Amino acid sequence: MENKGAFTWLSGREQHEITLPDSLAKYIARGHEAIDTVTGDINEDNINDLVLVTGLINEDSLRYESGPINLPRHMLIFMGYKNNQYHFSFRNKKAIPCITCCGMSDPYCGMTVHKGWIVLQTYCGSNCKSLSEHRFRYYPKAKDWLLDSVISESYCFYYEQYELDTLTRKDFGKVSLKTFVLYEDEE
């Protein structure tokens, strides 16, 4: 398939094709490809913005060929404008868990956006399971998304050792999405 003015990627996770404008390609790190995208009004200006997650090209095959190494993923935020253009806002290299960060399963479940919100979802599973949502709320005066709450659930076989917890800003303080660390890589 030939695309003029756009590049196309197919993700093993998604069953559909996504085309992104060429103007965004320069922000994708060398050796990375888009693995997830979502659009929505994340800064409450009534214009759709874009959140893009990238990972190493063919990261799933690299996972098995390379053994237990971290395969980094990046989150990129693009602000939308009325003329259907995007402006790069920032990149966070530690907000998205790598494909090998959980052992047996890929811990990145995806993300959703709502007006003024970005929600990251993770799942870690083997003998015990752990699910979490990190909810970031946009604050116009700060022009930033701050961690508003973390909802986590964990359990082992047959719901033994079951825990459900919700943490809020009073528990963890002021945490910006720009500097948020979900995992530390071992570089």
C-alpha atoms as a PDB file:
ATOM      1  CA  MET A   1       0.000   0.000   0.000  1.00  0.00           C
ATOM      2  CA  GLU A   2       1.355   3.408  -0.897  1.00  0.00           C
ATOM      3  CA  ASN A   3       0.633   6.396   1.323  1.00  0.00           C
ATOM      4  CA  LYS A   4       1.581   9.888   0.298  1.00  0.00           C
ATOM      5  CA  GLY A   5       2.114  12.302   3.153  1.00  0.00           C
ATOM      6  CA  ALA A   6       1.737   9.710   5.897  1.00  0.00           C
ATOM      7  CA  PHE A   7       3.355   6.621   7.315  1.00  0.00           C
ATOM      8  CA  THR A   8       1.429   3.532   8.314  1.00  0.00           C
ATOM      9  CA  TRP A   9       2.034   0.890  10.948  1.00  0.00           C
ATOM     10  CA  LEU A  10       0.424  -2.355  11.932  1.00  0.00           C
ATOM     11  CA  SER A  11       0.586  -3.362  15.568  1.00  0.00           C
ATOM     12  CA  GLY A  12       0.405  -6.959  16.713  1.00  0.00           C
ATOM     13  CA  ARG A  13      -1.892  -5.770  19.490  1.00  0.00           C
ATOM     14  CA  GLU A  14      -4.367  -3.971  17.246  1.00  0.00           C
ATOM     15  CA  GLN A  15      -6.212  -5.502  14.336  1.00  0.00           C
ATOM     16  CA  HIS A  16      -6.538  -2.289  12.363  1.00  0.00           C
ATOM     17  CA  GLU A  17      -4.222   0.000  10.489  1.00  0.00           C
ATOM     18  CA  ILE A  18      -3.432   3.476  11.785  1.00  0.00           C
ATOM     19  CA  THR A  19      -2.024   6.276   9.665  1.00  0.00           C
ATOM     20  CA  LEU A  20      -0.202   9.168  11.306  1.00  0.00           C
ATOM     21  CA  PRO A  21       0.823  12.463   9.664  1.00  0.00           C
ATOM     22  CA  ASP A  22       4.434  12.671   8.394  1.00  0.00           C
ATOM     23  CA  SER A  23       4.956  15.663  10.670  1.00  0.00           C
ATOM     24  CA  LEU A  24       4.869  13.315  13.685  1.00  0.00           C
ATOM     25  CA  ALA A  25       7.413  10.822  12.342  1.00  0.00           C
ATOM     26  CA  LYS A  26      10.395  12.969  13.330  1.00  0.00           C
ATOM     27  CA  TYR A  27       9.388  12.648  17.008  1.00  0.00           C
ATOM     28  CA  ILE A  28       9.472   8.854  17.009  1.00  0.00           C
ATOM     29  CA  ALA A  29      12.836   7.676  18.331  1.00  0.00           C
ATOM     30  CA  ARG A  30      15.128   5.827  15.926  1.00  0.00           C
ATOM     31  CA  GLY A  31      14.349   2.113  16.015  1.00  0.00           C
ATOM     32  CA  HIS A  32      10.855   2.707  17.461  1.00  0.00           C
ATOM     33  CA  GLU A  33       7.417   2.330  15.948  1.00  0.00           C
ATOM     34  CA  ALA A  34       3.974   3.351  17.148  1.00  0.00           C
ATOM     35  CA  ILE A  35       2.277   0.630  19.211  1.00  0.00           C
ATOM     36  CA  ASP A  36      -0.729   2.577  20.481  1.00  0.00           C
ATOM     37  CA  THR A  37      -2.501   5.867  19.842  1.00  0.00           C
ATOM     38  CA  VAL A  38      -5.520   7.566  21.298  1.00  0.00           C
ATOM     39  CA  THR A  39      -7.112  10.925  20.526  1.00  0.00           C
ATOM     40  CA  GLY A  40      -9.288  13.136  22.667  1.00  0.00           C
ATOM     41  CA  ASP A  41      -9.453  16.530  24.300  1.00  0.00           C
ATOM     42  CA  ILE A  42      -6.843  16.064  27.026  1.00  0.00           C
ATOM     43  CA  ASN A  43      -6.286  19.782  27.716  1.00  0.00           C
ATOM     44  CA  GLU A  44      -9.929  20.913  27.733  1.00  0.00           C
ATOM     45  CA  ASP A  45      -9.731  23.282  24.740  1.00  0.00           C
ATOM     46  CA  ASN A  46     -12.409  21.412  22.724  1.00  0.00           C
ATOM     47  CA  ILE A  47      -9.836  20.219  20.161  1.00  0.00           C
ATOM     48  CA  ASN A  48      -8.684  16.619  19.883  1.00  0.00           C
ATOM     49  CA  ASP A  49      -5.113  15.952  20.976  1.00  0.00           C
ATOM     50  CA  LEU A  50      -3.008  12.843  20.382  1.00  0.00           C
ATOM     51  CA  VAL A  51      -1.259  10.517  22.823  1.00  0.00           C
ATOM     52  CA  LEU A  52       1.192   8.157  21.127  1.00  0.00           C
ATOM     53  CA  VAL A  53       3.040   5.182  22.618  1.00  0.00           C
ATOM     54  CA  THR A  54       6.087   3.787  20.832  1.00  0.00           C
ATOM     55  CA  GLY A  55       8.167   0.672  21.344  1.00  0.00           C
ATOM     56  CA  LEU A  56      11.132  -0.934  19.611  1.00  0.00           C
ATOM     57  CA  ILE A  57      10.368  -2.223  16.131  1.00  0.00           C
ATOM     58  CA  ASN A  58       9.300  -5.883  16.386  1.00  0.00           C
ATOM     59  CA  GLU A  59       9.663  -5.720  20.173  1.00  0.00           C
ATOM     60  CA  ASP A  60       7.722  -8.928  20.687  1.00  0.00           C
ATOM     61  CA  SER A  61      10.248 -10.995  18.726  1.00  0.00           C
ATOM     62  CA  LEU A  62      13.130  -9.097  20.380  1.00  0.00           C
ATOM     63  CA  ARG A  63      11.679 -10.038  23.769  1.00  0.00           C
ATOM     64  CA  TYR A  64      12.219 -13.728  23.154  1.00  0.00           C
ATOM     65  CA  GLU A  65      15.469 -13.472  21.206  1.00  0.00           C
ATOM     66  CA  SER A  66      17.214 -11.149  23.666  1.00  0.00           C
ATOM     67  CA  GLY A  67      16.206 -12.665  26.990  1.00  0.00           C
ATOM     68  CA  PRO A  68      15.300 -10.632  30.088  1.00  0.00           C
ATOM     69  CA  ILE A  69      16.209  -7.109  28.958  1.00  0.00           C
ATOM     70  CA  ASN A  70      14.187  -3.928  29.128  1.00  0.00           C
ATOM     71  CA  LEU A  71      12.784  -2.889  25.787  1.00  0.00           C
ATOM     72  CA  PRO A  72      11.940   0.799  26.311  1.00  0.00           C
ATOM     73  CA  ARG A  73       8.680   2.425  25.366  1.00  0.00           C
ATOM     74  CA  HIS A  74       7.940   6.121  25.078  1.00  0.00           C
ATOM     75  CA  MET A  75       4.794   8.180  25.578  1.00  0.00           C
ATOM     76  CA  LEU A  76       4.520  11.274  23.379  1.00  0.00           C
ATOM     77  CA  ILE A  77       1.925  14.002  23.838  1.00  0.00           C
ATOM     78  CA  PHE A  78       0.819  16.154  20.888  1.00  0.00           C
ATOM     79  CA  MET A  79      -1.540  19.116  21.271  1.00  0.00           C
ATOM     80  CA  GLY A  80      -4.128  19.551  18.534  1.00  0.00           C
ATOM     81  CA  TYR A  81      -4.971  22.721  16.640  1.00  0.00           C
ATOM     82  CA  LYS A  82      -8.114  23.655  14.720  1.00  0.00           C
ATOM     83  CA  ASN A  83      -6.495  22.986  11.336  1.00  0.00           C
ATOM     84  CA  ASN A  84      -6.021  19.274  12.200  1.00  0.00           C
ATOM     85  CA  GLN A  85      -2.335  19.829  12.932  1.00  0.00           C
ATOM     86  CA  TYR A  86      -0.444  18.665  16.005  1.00  0.00           C
ATOM     87  CA  HIS A  87       2.287  20.330  18.039  1.00  0.00           C
ATOM     88  CA  PHE A  88       4.715  18.153  20.013  1.00  0.00           C
ATOM     89  CA  SER A  89       4.373  18.864  23.740  1.00  0.00           C
ATOM     90  CA  PHE A  90       6.617  16.344  25.540  1.00  0.00           C
ATOM     91  CA  ARG A  91       7.997  12.801  25.736  1.00  0.00           C
ATOM     92  CA  ASN A  92       8.094  10.577  28.827  1.00  0.00           C
ATOM     93  CA  LYS A  93      10.407   7.552  28.615  1.00  0.00           C
ATOM     94  CA  LYS A  94       9.366   6.074  31.977  1.00  0.00           C
ATOM     95  CA  ALA A  95       5.543   6.258  31.999  1.00  0.00           C
ATOM     96  CA  ILE A  96       4.896   3.138  29.914  1.00  0.00           C
ATOM     97  CA  PRO A  97       6.124  -0.250  31.159  1.00  0.00           C
ATOM     98  CA  CYS A  98       8.416  -2.171  28.820  1.00  0.00           C
ATOM     99  CA  ILE A  99       7.222  -5.448  27.321  1.00  0.00           C
ATOM    100  CA  THR A 100       9.562  -7.423  29.628  1.00  0.00           C
ATOM    101  CA  CYS A 101       8.933  -5.429  32.824  1.00  0.00           C
ATOM    102  CA  CYS A 102       6.503  -7.977  34.230  1.00  0.00           C
ATOM    103  CA  GLY A 103       7.999 -11.284  33.302  1.00  0.00           C
ATOM    104  CA  MET A 104       5.342 -13.465  31.715  1.00  0.00           C
ATOM    105  CA  SER A 105       2.919 -10.953  30.238  1.00  0.00           C
ATOM    106  CA  ASP A 106       3.120  -7.544  28.590  1.00  0.00           C
ATOM    107  CA  PRO A 107       2.066  -5.191  31.402  1.00  0.00           C
ATOM    108  CA  TYR A 108       0.869  -2.365  29.135  1.00  0.00           C
ATOM    109  CA  CYS A 109      -2.901  -2.712  28.723  1.00  0.00           C
ATOM    110  CA  GLY A 110      -3.506   0.577  27.005  1.00  0.00           C
ATOM    111  CA  MET A 111      -4.799   4.020  27.783  1.00  0.00           C
ATOM    112  CA  THR A 112      -7.986   5.988  27.562  1.00  0.00           C
ATOM    113  CA  VAL A 113      -8.615   9.693  27.452  1.00  0.00           C
ATOM    114  CA  HIS A 114     -11.527  11.804  28.565  1.00  0.00           C
ATOM    115  CA  LYS A 115     -11.897  15.561  28.507  1.00  0.00           C
ATOM    116  CA  GLY A 116      -8.958  16.722  30.638  1.00  0.00           C
ATOM    117  CA  TRP A 117      -7.855  13.188  31.596  1.00  0.00           C
ATOM    118  CA  ILE A 118      -5.307  10.552  30.546  1.00  0.00           C
ATOM    119  CA  VAL A 119      -5.656   7.090  32.102  1.00  0.00           C
ATOM    120  CA  LEU A 120      -2.869   4.489  31.836  1.00  0.00           C
ATOM    121  CA  GLN A 121      -3.738   0.845  32.466  1.00  0.00           C
ATOM    122  CA  THR A 122      -1.348  -1.946  33.406  1.00  0.00           C
ATOM    123  CA  TYR A 123      -1.705  -5.649  34.106  1.00  0.00           C
ATOM    124  CA  CYS A 124       0.921  -8.032  35.415  1.00  0.00           C
ATOM    125  CA  GLY A 125       0.098 -11.693  35.555  1.00  0.00           C
ATOM    126  CA  SER A 126       1.604 -15.047  36.354  1.00  0.00           C
ATOM    127  CA  ASN A 127       0.695 -16.938  39.543  1.00  0.00           C
ATOM    128  CA  CYS A 128      -0.407 -13.650  41.035  1.00  0.00           C
ATOM    129  CA  LYS A 129      -2.191 -10.847  39.172  1.00  0.00           C
ATOM    130  CA  SER A 130      -1.893  -7.099  39.519  1.00  0.00           C
ATOM    131  CA  LEU A 131      -4.000  -4.501  37.705  1.00  0.00           C
ATOM    132  CA  SER A 132      -3.724  -0.743  37.997  1.00  0.00           C
ATOM    133  CA  GLU A 133      -5.001   2.526  36.584  1.00  0.00           C
ATOM    134  CA  HIS A 134      -2.997   5.718  36.864  1.00  0.00           C
ATOM    135  CA  ARG A 135      -5.329   8.683  36.301  1.00  0.00           C
ATOM    136  CA  PHE A 136      -3.840  12.036  35.281  1.00  0.00           C
ATOM    137  CA  ARG A 137      -5.958  15.183  35.380  1.00  0.00           C
ATOM    138  CA  TYR A 138      -5.171  18.347  33.409  1.00  0.00           C
ATOM    139  CA  TYR A 139      -4.635  21.569  35.372  1.00  0.00           C
ATOM    140  CA  PRO A 140      -4.920  24.590  33.024  1.00  0.00           C
ATOM    141  CA  LYS A 141      -3.003  27.025  35.270  1.00  0.00           C
ATOM    142  CA  ALA A 142      -0.051  24.631  35.479  1.00  0.00           C
ATOM    143  CA  LYS A 143      -0.485  23.518  31.833  1.00  0.00           C
ATOM    144  CA  ASP A 144       0.256  20.030  33.094  1.00  0.00           C
ATOM    145  CA  TRP A 145      -1.355  16.676  33.870  1.00  0.00           C
ATOM    146  CA  LEU A 146      -0.975  15.683  37.498  1.00  0.00           C
ATOM    147  CA  LEU A 147      -1.477  12.227  38.920  1.00  0.00           C
ATOM    148  CA  ASP A 148      -4.913  12.353  40.529  1.00  0.00           C
ATOM    149  CA  SER A 149      -5.408   8.762  41.643  1.00  0.00           C
ATOM    150  CA  VAL A 150      -4.037   5.247  41.386  1.00  0.00           C
ATOM    151  CA  ILE A 151      -6.449   2.352  41.590  1.00  0.00           C
ATOM    152  CA  SER A 152      -4.792  -1.032  42.058  1.00  0.00           C
ATOM    153  CA  GLU A 153      -6.056  -4.569  42.505  1.00  0.00           C
ATOM    154  CA  SER A 154      -3.950  -7.653  43.187  1.00  0.00           C
ATOM    155  CA  TYR A 155      -4.607 -11.280  44.040  1.00  0.00           C
ATOM    156  CA  CYS A 156      -3.155 -14.757  43.811  1.00  0.00           C
ATOM    157  CA  PHE A 157      -4.827 -18.085  43.074  1.00  0.00           C
ATOM    158  CA  TYR A 158      -8.580 -18.101  43.610  1.00  0.00           C
ATOM    159  CA  TYR A 159      -8.435 -14.510  44.895  1.00  0.00           C
ATOM    160  CA  GLU A 160      -6.229 -15.399  47.855  1.00  0.00           C
ATOM    161  CA  GLN A 161      -4.398 -12.394  49.279  1.00  0.00           C
ATOM    162  CA  TYR A 162      -6.847 -10.103  47.505  1.00  0.00           C
ATOM    163  CA  GLU A 163      -6.163  -6.361  47.789  1.00  0.00           C
ATOM    164  CA  LEU A 164      -7.957  -3.375  46.296  1.00  0.00           C
ATOM    165  CA  ASP A 165      -6.620   0.091  46.970  1.00  0.00           C
ATOM    166  CA  THR A 166      -7.135   3.654  45.785  1.00  0.00           C
ATOM    167  CA  LEU A 167      -4.468   6.273  46.370  1.00  0.00           C
ATOM    168  CA  THR A 168      -4.994   9.995  45.821  1.00  0.00           C
ATOM    169  CA  ARG A 169      -2.826  13.131  45.650  1.00  0.00           C
ATOM    170  CA  LYS A 170      -2.804  13.363  49.433  1.00  0.00           C
ATOM    171  CA  ASP A 171      -1.010   9.966  49.427  1.00  0.00           C
ATOM    172  CA  PHE A 172       1.664  10.667  46.792  1.00  0.00           C
ATOM    173  CA  GLY A 173       1.809  14.471  46.404  1.00  0.00           C
ATOM    174  CA  LYS A 174       2.175  16.454  43.187  1.00  0.00           C
ATOM    175  CA  VAL A 175       3.323  14.145  40.367  1.00  0.00           C
ATOM    176  CA  SER A 176       3.510  15.480  36.798  1.00  0.00           C
ATOM    177  CA  LEU A 177       2.916  13.198  33.821  1.00  0.00           C
ATOM    178  CA  LYS A 178       5.975  14.854  32.259  1.00  0.00           C
ATOM    179  CA  THR A 179       8.244  13.349  34.937  1.00  0.00           C
ATOM    180  CA  PHE A 180       6.101  10.404  36.106  1.00  0.00           C
ATOM    181  CA  VAL A 181       8.048   7.164  36.600  1.00  0.00           C
ATOM    182  CA  LEU A 182       6.103   3.918  36.415  1.00  0.00           C
ATOM    183  CA  TYR A 183       9.242   1.833  36.066  1.00  0.00           C
ATOM    184  CA  GLU A 184      13.010   2.325  36.236  1.00  0.00           C
ATOM    185  CA  ASP A 185      15.032   0.800  33.451  1.00  0.00           C
ATOM    186  CA  GLU A 186      18.321  -0.895  34.153  1.00  0.00           C
ATOM    187  CA  GLU A 187      20.592   0.996  31.741  1.00  0.00           C
END
